Amino acid sequence: MVEPIEIRVPNIGDFRDIPIIEVLVEKGDLVRKDDSLITLESAKASVEVPSPQSGVVQEVKVRVGDRVSEGSVIVTLVQTDMTAAIESERLAAPTKEAAPLLLDRQRDPIWDPRHGEGQLVELSVAKRTEVEILSSVASGAIPSTLFASALTGSARDRLNQRYAVLRDTVLPPVVYEVYRLLRAFPLLNASYEHGSAFIYDDISIGIAIDSGYGLRVARIPDEAQKSVAAIEQCILDISEREAQQKLGVSDVTGTTFTISDLSSYGVAGFVPVLSRGQSAVLGIGEMNRAGEQIFSITFDHRVTEGRYVANFLRGLVERVESYGSSPSSEGTVAHCRECLRSLSDDQRLGGNGLFLVLGPDGTRGHLCSLCVRGY
């Protein structure tokens, strides 16, 4: 007889006794590796716990409302001859151990006529969970979206000369500027809770990524927010680990504001969708031939209003455009060591000029007015 395998809660950082808000599987379900089993909710964000392997659910050990920590048993799985078929999206004959668990599944045929003949393709657990989460947000939030045009062509060209690897994107300076602007617009770093706005103490920006394994929001660590160069390196690291499916639970939890960049997909502009536990999400569209991009922001009208968000969006556009205000042939002109702005960039934003500073290693450099001020 095949021994069942206990699937436990993995390392979820320093969290303890986290409540379960959703149980995403039931006895008899076919589970693929990385399919979500449960959803946990901390004070700041919800996180799905994936299965480390494929199999058939023999028993669910938890229920909604239970509190779990690292090592808690979630389900037991039966390894069957079906495991390989699960991975390749084919159905095989179940083994003796798994057959009783699959009786309910046989009532849901893969081929099912609707308005004519066709194939009924079952969504993955991860996709169904995503739909449920977004539906819960849509049914509760009052979303509104604002759009703004940003002339970022010159900024892109200048940044191309200064990036280590990335090209033709303004995502690093957008992350950098959003992080600082949120200090002045805290209602966009918040969530709605029972008639009140819960403003997060920390700012934790996530970038939406999808490398074919489902949509996820990867967190930009606080230490990477110190400079545009550090953010670039962080984005590269996230992309590489996502492609290798090496992002851990701590990498995709705890975000308070999301940025969705579709500029490389030929999308001129779009309405980004709010995440649960957040009051705003920023979208970045494709840059056209005139060097113009559409920035869009969806916000929860229960937390703030259009004028407030418009001021945030206008400030972001001005800051990102300022990266291209100096000529690309400026040579050895001094720049801010953190955001790469020059003196003319700083003055365009009403700054007082560049400040000469000593770094932690004793090297001399400059900081612009915005970076000295911190927002």
Protein backbone atom coordinates (compact mmCIF):
# COMPACT_ATOMS: atom_id res chain seq x y z
CA MET A 1 0.00 0.00 0.00
CA VAL A 2 1.26 3.48 -0.88
CA GLU A 3 2.05 5.53 2.19
CA PRO A 4 0.47 9.01 2.23
CA ILE A 5 2.81 12.00 2.23
CA GLU A 6 2.26 14.86 4.65
CA ILE A 7 2.44 18.31 3.06
CA ARG A 8 3.41 20.93 5.62
CA VAL A 9 3.54 24.73 5.81
CA PRO A 10 6.98 25.81 4.54
CA ASN A 11 9.21 28.52 5.95
CA ILE A 12 7.09 31.70 5.92
CA GLY A 13 9.55 34.00 7.63
CA ASP A 14 9.00 35.25 11.15
CA PHE A 15 5.23 34.70 11.06
CA ARG A 16 3.47 32.49 13.60
CA ASP A 17 -0.16 31.41 14.04
CA ILE A 18 -1.32 32.80 10.69
CA PRO A 19 -5.05 32.33 10.04
CA ILE A 20 -6.28 30.31 7.07
CA ILE A 21 -8.79 32.29 5.02
CA GLU A 22 -9.25 29.79 2.17
CA VAL A 23 -8.82 26.04 1.72
CA LEU A 24 -8.35 25.53 -2.00
CA VAL A 25 -8.43 21.73 -2.27
CA GLU A 26 -10.60 18.90 -1.04
CA LYS A 27 -10.39 15.14 -0.77
CA GLY A 28 -9.96 13.54 -4.19
CA ASP A 29 -8.50 16.61 -5.92
CA LEU A 30 -5.67 16.14 -8.37
CA VAL A 31 -2.87 18.44 -7.27
CA ARG A 32 0.02 19.48 -9.47
CA LYS A 33 3.35 20.65 -8.15
CA ASP A 34 3.12 24.36 -7.23
CA ASP A 35 -0.71 24.33 -7.18
CA SER A 36 -1.97 26.34 -4.20
CA LEU A 37 -3.39 24.43 -1.24
CA ILE A 38 -4.45 27.14 1.21
CA THR A 39 -4.43 30.93 1.52
CA LEU A 40 -3.03 32.55 4.65
CA GLU A 41 -3.60 36.15 5.68
CA SER A 42 -1.18 38.19 7.75
CA ALA A 43 -1.65 41.78 8.91
CA LYS A 44 -0.39 43.06 5.56
CA ALA A 45 -1.08 40.57 2.81
CA SER A 46 -2.48 37.21 1.80
CA VAL A 47 -0.24 34.39 0.60
CA GLU A 48 -0.98 31.10 -1.10
CA VAL A 49 0.90 28.02 0.08
CA PRO A 50 1.79 25.77 -2.88
CA SER A 51 2.22 22.02 -2.96
CA PRO A 52 5.84 20.91 -3.36
CA GLN A 53 4.78 17.88 -5.42
CA SER A 54 1.95 16.30 -7.38
CA GLY A 55 -0.53 13.73 -6.17
CA VAL A 56 -4.11 13.05 -5.09
CA VAL A 57 -5.46 14.60 -1.90
CA GLN A 58 -6.21 11.81 0.55
CA GLU A 59 -7.13 14.02 3.51
CA VAL A 60 -7.34 17.73 4.27
CA LYS A 61 -5.97 18.41 7.74
CA VAL A 62 -7.02 22.05 8.11
CA ARG A 63 -10.07 24.25 7.66
CA VAL A 64 -10.87 27.95 7.29
CA GLY A 65 -10.17 29.79 10.53
CA ASP A 66 -7.41 27.47 11.73
CA ARG A 67 -4.08 29.07 12.60
CA VAL A 68 -0.88 27.53 11.31
CA SER A 69 2.87 28.02 11.53
CA GLU A 70 5.88 26.54 9.80
CA GLY A 71 5.64 22.73 9.92
CA SER A 72 1.86 22.49 10.33
CA VAL A 73 0.35 19.66 8.26
CA ILE A 74 -1.97 20.92 5.52
CA VAL A 75 -2.95 17.78 3.58
CA THR A 76 -1.83 14.24 2.90
CA LEU A 77 -1.19 13.23 -0.70
CA VAL A 78 -1.17 9.81 -2.31
CA GLN A 79 1.53 9.27 -4.91
CA THR A 80 0.04 7.34 -7.81
CA ASP A 81 0.73 6.29 -11.36
CA MET A 82 -1.24 9.40 -12.24
CA THR A 83 1.50 11.75 -11.02
CA ALA A 84 3.37 11.87 -14.32
CA ALA A 85 0.12 12.40 -16.19
CA ILE A 86 -0.78 15.28 -13.90
CA GLU A 87 2.44 17.03 -14.83
CA SER A 88 1.84 16.55 -18.56
CA GLU A 89 -1.87 17.53 -18.45
CA ARG A 90 -2.98 13.97 -19.42
CA LEU A 91 -5.28 11.67 -17.47
CA ALA A 92 -4.11 8.15 -16.74
CA ALA A 93 -5.89 5.23 -15.13
CA PRO A 94 -5.80 5.66 -11.35
CA THR A 95 -4.08 3.16 -9.14
CA LYS A 96 -5.99 1.06 -6.62
CA GLU A 97 -5.16 3.51 -3.81
CA ALA A 98 -6.31 6.60 -5.71
CA ALA A 99 -9.43 5.23 -7.43
CA PRO A 100 -11.88 5.76 -4.51
CA LEU A 101 -10.73 9.34 -4.18
CA LEU A 102 -11.50 10.13 -7.81
CA LEU A 103 -15.14 9.02 -8.00
CA ASP A 104 -16.46 12.57 -7.66
CA ARG A 105 -14.13 13.77 -10.41
CA GLN A 106 -15.64 11.30 -12.86
CA ARG A 107 -18.90 13.24 -12.71
CA ASP A 108 -17.11 16.21 -14.37
CA PRO A 109 -16.08 15.03 -17.87
CA ILE A 110 -13.36 16.90 -19.70
CA TRP A 111 -15.49 16.94 -22.86
CA ASP A 112 -18.73 18.79 -22.28
CA PRO A 113 -21.04 20.23 -25.01
CA ARG A 114 -22.20 23.81 -24.64
CA HIS A 115 -23.38 25.78 -27.69
CA GLY A 116 -21.95 23.10 -29.89
CA GLU A 117 -19.16 20.66 -29.24
CA GLY A 118 -15.93 21.74 -27.61
CA GLN A 119 -13.45 21.02 -24.90
CA LEU A 120 -13.95 21.97 -21.26
CA VAL A 121 -10.48 22.76 -19.92
CA GLU A 122 -10.32 22.89 -16.15
CA LEU A 123 -8.47 25.87 -14.73
CA SER A 124 -5.55 25.23 -12.42
CA VAL A 125 -5.98 25.70 -8.69
CA ALA A 126 -3.70 28.74 -8.89
CA LYS A 127 -5.84 30.35 -11.60
CA ARG A 128 -9.10 29.62 -9.78
CA THR A 129 -7.66 31.14 -6.64
CA GLU A 130 -6.57 34.24 -8.57
CA VAL A 131 -10.11 34.62 -9.93
CA GLU A 132 -11.60 34.25 -6.47
CA ILE A 133 -9.23 36.81 -4.96
CA LEU A 134 -9.79 39.36 -7.73
CA SER A 135 -13.54 38.76 -7.57
CA SER A 136 -13.53 39.38 -3.83
CA VAL A 137 -11.66 42.66 -4.39
CA ALA A 138 -14.02 43.71 -7.16
CA SER A 139 -17.08 42.97 -5.05
CA GLY A 140 -15.78 45.03 -2.12
CA ALA A 141 -13.66 47.85 -3.49
CA ILE A 142 -14.91 50.87 -5.43
CA PRO A 143 -12.21 51.02 -8.10
CA SER A 144 -11.52 54.05 -10.27
CA THR A 145 -8.72 54.54 -12.78
CA LEU A 146 -6.85 57.67 -13.86
CA PHE A 147 -4.53 57.96 -16.86
CA ALA A 148 -1.63 60.31 -17.56
CA SER A 149 0.71 60.75 -20.50
CA ALA A 150 4.44 60.80 -19.74
CA LEU A 151 7.12 61.90 -22.21
CA THR A 152 9.74 59.37 -21.20
CA GLY A 153 11.66 58.88 -24.46
CA SER A 154 14.57 61.12 -23.44
CA ALA A 155 14.66 59.52 -20.00
CA ARG A 156 14.84 56.08 -21.61
CA ASP A 157 17.74 57.13 -23.83
CA ARG A 158 19.68 58.59 -20.92
CA LEU A 159 19.02 55.62 -18.69
CA ASN A 160 20.17 53.22 -21.42
CA GLN A 161 23.62 54.79 -21.06
CA ARG A 162 23.64 54.24 -17.30
CA TYR A 163 21.94 50.86 -16.83
CA ALA A 164 24.21 47.89 -16.27
CA VAL A 165 22.02 45.43 -18.22
CA LEU A 166 18.43 46.63 -18.74
CA ARG A 167 17.48 48.59 -21.85
CA ASP A 168 14.48 50.59 -23.05
CA THR A 169 12.58 50.68 -19.76
CA VAL A 170 11.83 53.26 -17.11
CA LEU A 171 10.73 50.70 -14.52
CA PRO A 172 13.70 51.18 -12.13
CA PRO A 173 13.23 54.96 -11.74
CA VAL A 174 9.45 54.47 -11.53
CA VAL A 175 9.93 52.09 -8.59
CA TYR A 176 12.41 54.50 -7.02
CA GLU A 177 10.11 57.51 -7.33
CA VAL A 178 6.94 55.67 -6.26
CA TYR A 179 8.71 54.51 -3.10
CA ARG A 180 9.48 58.12 -2.18
CA LEU A 181 6.19 59.64 -3.31
CA LEU A 182 4.19 57.22 -1.18
CA ARG A 183 5.66 58.91 1.90
CA ALA A 184 3.84 62.05 0.83
CA PHE A 185 0.69 60.15 -0.28
CA PRO A 186 0.17 57.55 2.48
CA LEU A 187 -3.45 56.81 1.53
CA LEU A 188 -2.10 55.00 -1.53
CA ASN A 189 -0.06 52.77 0.76
CA ALA A 190 -3.09 51.56 2.65
CA SER A 191 -6.14 49.29 2.66
CA TYR A 192 -9.80 49.67 3.51
CA GLU A 193 -10.94 48.08 6.77
CA HIS A 194 -14.45 48.39 8.20
CA GLY A 195 -15.03 52.05 7.44
CA SER A 196 -11.41 53.12 8.04
CA ALA A 197 -8.21 53.44 6.04
CA PHE A 198 -5.44 51.24 7.43
CA ILE A 199 -2.17 53.01 6.52
CA TYR A 200 0.82 50.71 6.51
CA ASP A 201 3.86 51.74 8.53
CA ASP A 202 6.23 50.35 5.91
CA ILE A 203 6.26 50.84 2.15
CA SER A 204 6.66 47.55 0.30
CA ILE A 205 6.50 47.76 -3.49
CA GLY A 206 5.82 44.69 -5.61
CA ILE A 207 6.13 44.23 -9.36
CA ALA A 208 3.68 41.98 -11.19
CA ILE A 209 5.40 39.16 -13.09
CA ASP A 210 4.19 36.24 -15.17
CA SER A 211 6.76 33.91 -16.73
CA GLY A 212 4.23 31.25 -17.62
CA TYR A 213 3.74 29.95 -14.07
CA GLY A 214 0.85 32.23 -13.13
CA LEU A 215 0.63 35.88 -12.16
CA ARG A 216 2.63 36.75 -9.05
CA VAL A 217 3.68 39.97 -7.34
CA ALA A 218 7.36 39.93 -6.35
CA ARG A 219 8.49 42.22 -3.56
CA ILE A 220 11.31 44.72 -4.02
CA PRO A 221 13.34 44.47 -0.78
CA ASP A 222 13.82 47.65 1.25
CA GLU A 223 17.58 47.57 0.79
CA ALA A 224 17.15 47.72 -2.99
CA GLN A 225 15.26 51.02 -2.73
CA LYS A 226 18.45 52.98 -2.03
CA SER A 227 19.27 53.70 -5.67
CA VAL A 228 18.05 53.20 -9.23
CA ALA A 229 21.06 50.96 -9.89
CA ALA A 230 20.16 48.72 -6.93
CA ILE A 231 16.55 48.45 -8.14
CA GLU A 232 17.76 47.46 -11.62
CA GLN A 233 19.84 44.66 -10.13
CA CYS A 234 16.91 43.54 -7.98
CA ILE A 235 14.58 43.38 -11.01
CA LEU A 236 17.14 41.26 -12.87
CA ASP A 237 17.47 38.94 -9.88
CA ILE A 238 13.69 38.57 -9.53
CA SER A 239 13.30 37.80 -13.24
CA GLU A 240 16.00 35.15 -13.13
CA ARG A 241 14.65 33.42 -10.02
CA GLU A 242 11.08 33.54 -11.34
CA ALA A 243 12.21 31.87 -14.58
CA GLN A 244 13.88 29.15 -12.48
CA GLN A 245 10.81 28.93 -10.16
CA LYS A 246 12.99 29.77 -7.18
CA LEU A 247 10.96 32.62 -5.67
CA GLY A 248 10.05 31.77 -2.09
CA VAL A 249 7.02 32.68 -0.02
CA SER A 250 8.81 35.68 1.51
CA ASP A 251 9.55 36.99 -2.01
CA VAL A 252 5.86 37.24 -2.97
CA THR A 253 4.23 38.37 0.26
CA GLY A 254 3.92 41.56 2.25
CA THR A 255 3.55 44.06 -0.60
CA THR A 256 1.55 47.25 0.03
CA PHE A 257 1.62 48.76 -3.50
CA THR A 258 1.86 47.02 -6.89
CA ILE A 259 3.37 48.12 -10.20
CA SER A 260 2.35 46.29 -13.39
CA ASP A 261 4.64 47.00 -16.35
CA LEU A 262 3.27 45.88 -19.73
CA SER A 263 5.46 48.25 -21.76
CA SER A 264 7.22 45.36 -23.53
CA TYR A 265 3.96 43.70 -24.61
CA GLY A 266 2.72 46.32 -27.06
CA VAL A 267 -0.05 47.51 -24.72
CA ALA A 268 -0.61 51.25 -25.10
CA GLY A 269 -2.53 51.63 -21.86
CA PHE A 270 -4.63 49.47 -19.55
CA VAL A 271 -6.64 49.37 -16.34
CA PRO A 272 -4.57 47.57 -13.68
CA VAL A 273 -6.52 45.46 -11.19
CA LEU A 274 -6.36 46.10 -7.45
CA SER A 275 -4.82 43.47 -5.21
CA ARG A 276 -6.46 42.48 -1.96
CA GLY A 277 -5.15 44.49 0.98
CA GLN A 278 -4.01 47.40 -1.21
CA SER A 279 -5.58 50.73 -2.12
CA ALA A 280 -3.76 51.40 -5.40
CA VAL A 281 -1.92 49.78 -8.30
CA LEU A 282 0.13 51.47 -11.04
CA GLY A 283 0.20 50.40 -14.69
CA ILE A 284 2.89 51.26 -17.27
CA GLY A 285 2.03 51.05 -20.98
CA GLU A 286 4.17 50.82 -24.10
CA MET A 287 6.28 53.75 -25.25
CA ASN A 288 5.18 54.98 -28.68
CA ARG A 289 7.39 56.39 -31.43
CA ALA A 290 7.06 59.89 -30.02
CA GLY A 291 8.59 58.73 -26.73
CA GLU A 292 5.28 58.87 -24.87
CA GLN A 293 3.92 56.36 -22.36
CA ILE A 294 0.60 56.03 -20.58
CA PHE A 295 0.76 55.68 -16.80
CA SER A 296 -2.48 54.48 -15.22
CA ILE A 297 -3.41 54.07 -11.59
CA THR A 298 -6.40 52.19 -10.21
CA PHE A 299 -7.37 53.16 -6.68
CA ASP A 300 -10.01 52.27 -4.11
CA HIS A 301 -12.46 55.16 -3.86
CA ARG A 302 -13.36 54.04 -0.34
CA VAL A 303 -9.87 55.07 0.83
CA THR A 304 -9.21 58.26 -1.14
CA GLU A 305 -10.49 60.42 -4.00
CA GLY A 306 -9.54 61.43 -7.54
CA ARG A 307 -7.87 64.76 -6.72
CA TYR A 308 -5.49 63.12 -4.27
CA VAL A 309 -4.55 60.38 -6.76
CA ALA A 310 -4.22 62.88 -9.63
CA ASN A 311 -1.66 64.85 -7.64
CA PHE A 312 0.31 61.66 -6.99
CA LEU A 313 0.20 60.70 -10.67
CA ARG A 314 1.20 64.18 -11.81
CA GLY A 315 4.13 64.18 -9.39
CA LEU A 316 5.27 60.76 -10.63
CA VAL A 317 5.12 61.83 -14.28
CA GLU A 318 7.14 64.99 -13.57
CA ARG A 319 9.78 63.06 -11.68
CA VAL A 320 10.19 60.33 -14.30
CA GLU A 321 10.25 62.86 -17.16
CA SER A 322 12.99 64.78 -15.34
CA TYR A 323 15.41 61.90 -15.94
CA GLY A 324 15.53 63.01 -19.56
CA SER A 325 15.71 66.77 -19.09
CA SER A 326 19.50 66.94 -19.51
CA PRO A 327 21.16 66.33 -22.87
CA SER A 328 22.51 62.81 -23.36
CA SER A 329 25.92 64.26 -24.28
CA GLU A 330 26.39 65.94 -20.93
CA GLY A 331 29.63 64.03 -20.37
CA THR A 332 31.09 64.39 -16.90
CA VAL A 333 28.35 66.57 -15.42
CA ALA A 334 27.74 65.59 -11.78
CA HIS A 335 24.76 63.35 -11.02
CA CYS A 336 22.94 62.25 -7.90
CA ARG A 337 24.52 58.99 -6.77
CA GLU A 338 21.11 57.46 -5.96
CA CYS A 339 18.62 58.55 -8.63
CA LEU A 340 21.09 59.63 -11.41
CA ARG A 341 19.53 63.11 -11.75
CA SER A 342 21.75 65.97 -12.87
CA LEU A 343 21.72 69.57 -11.63
CA SER A 344 19.30 70.62 -14.37
CA ASP A 345 16.99 67.71 -13.49
CA ASP A 346 16.93 68.82 -9.88
CA GLN A 347 16.27 72.46 -10.75
CA ARG A 348 13.43 71.47 -13.07
CA LEU A 349 11.69 69.92 -10.06
CA GLY A 350 12.25 73.02 -7.95
CA GLY A 351 15.29 71.69 -6.11
CA ASN A 352 18.18 73.67 -4.68
CA GLY A 353 20.91 71.84 -6.56
CA LEU A 354 23.23 68.92 -5.86
CA PHE A 355 24.84 68.41 -2.48
CA LEU A 356 28.37 67.05 -2.09
CA VAL A 357 28.36 64.13 0.34
CA LEU A 358 30.65 61.39 1.59
CA GLY A 359 29.49 57.80 1.16
CA PRO A 360 29.81 55.04 3.78
CA ASP A 361 33.07 53.97 2.14
CA GLY A 362 34.47 57.50 2.26
CA THR A 363 34.02 58.23 -1.45
CA ARG A 364 32.73 61.63 -2.53
CA GLY A 365 29.47 61.95 -4.46
CA HIS A 366 26.37 64.06 -4.94
CA LEU A 367 22.76 63.87 -3.80
CA CYS A 368 19.90 65.82 -5.36
CA SER A 369 17.38 67.78 -3.29
CA LEU A 370 14.73 65.07 -3.53
CA CYS A 371 17.02 62.31 -2.31
CA VAL A 372 18.30 64.50 0.53
CA ARG A 373 14.71 65.21 1.54
CA GLY A 374 13.76 61.56 1.20
CA TYR A 375 10.54 61.92 -0.81
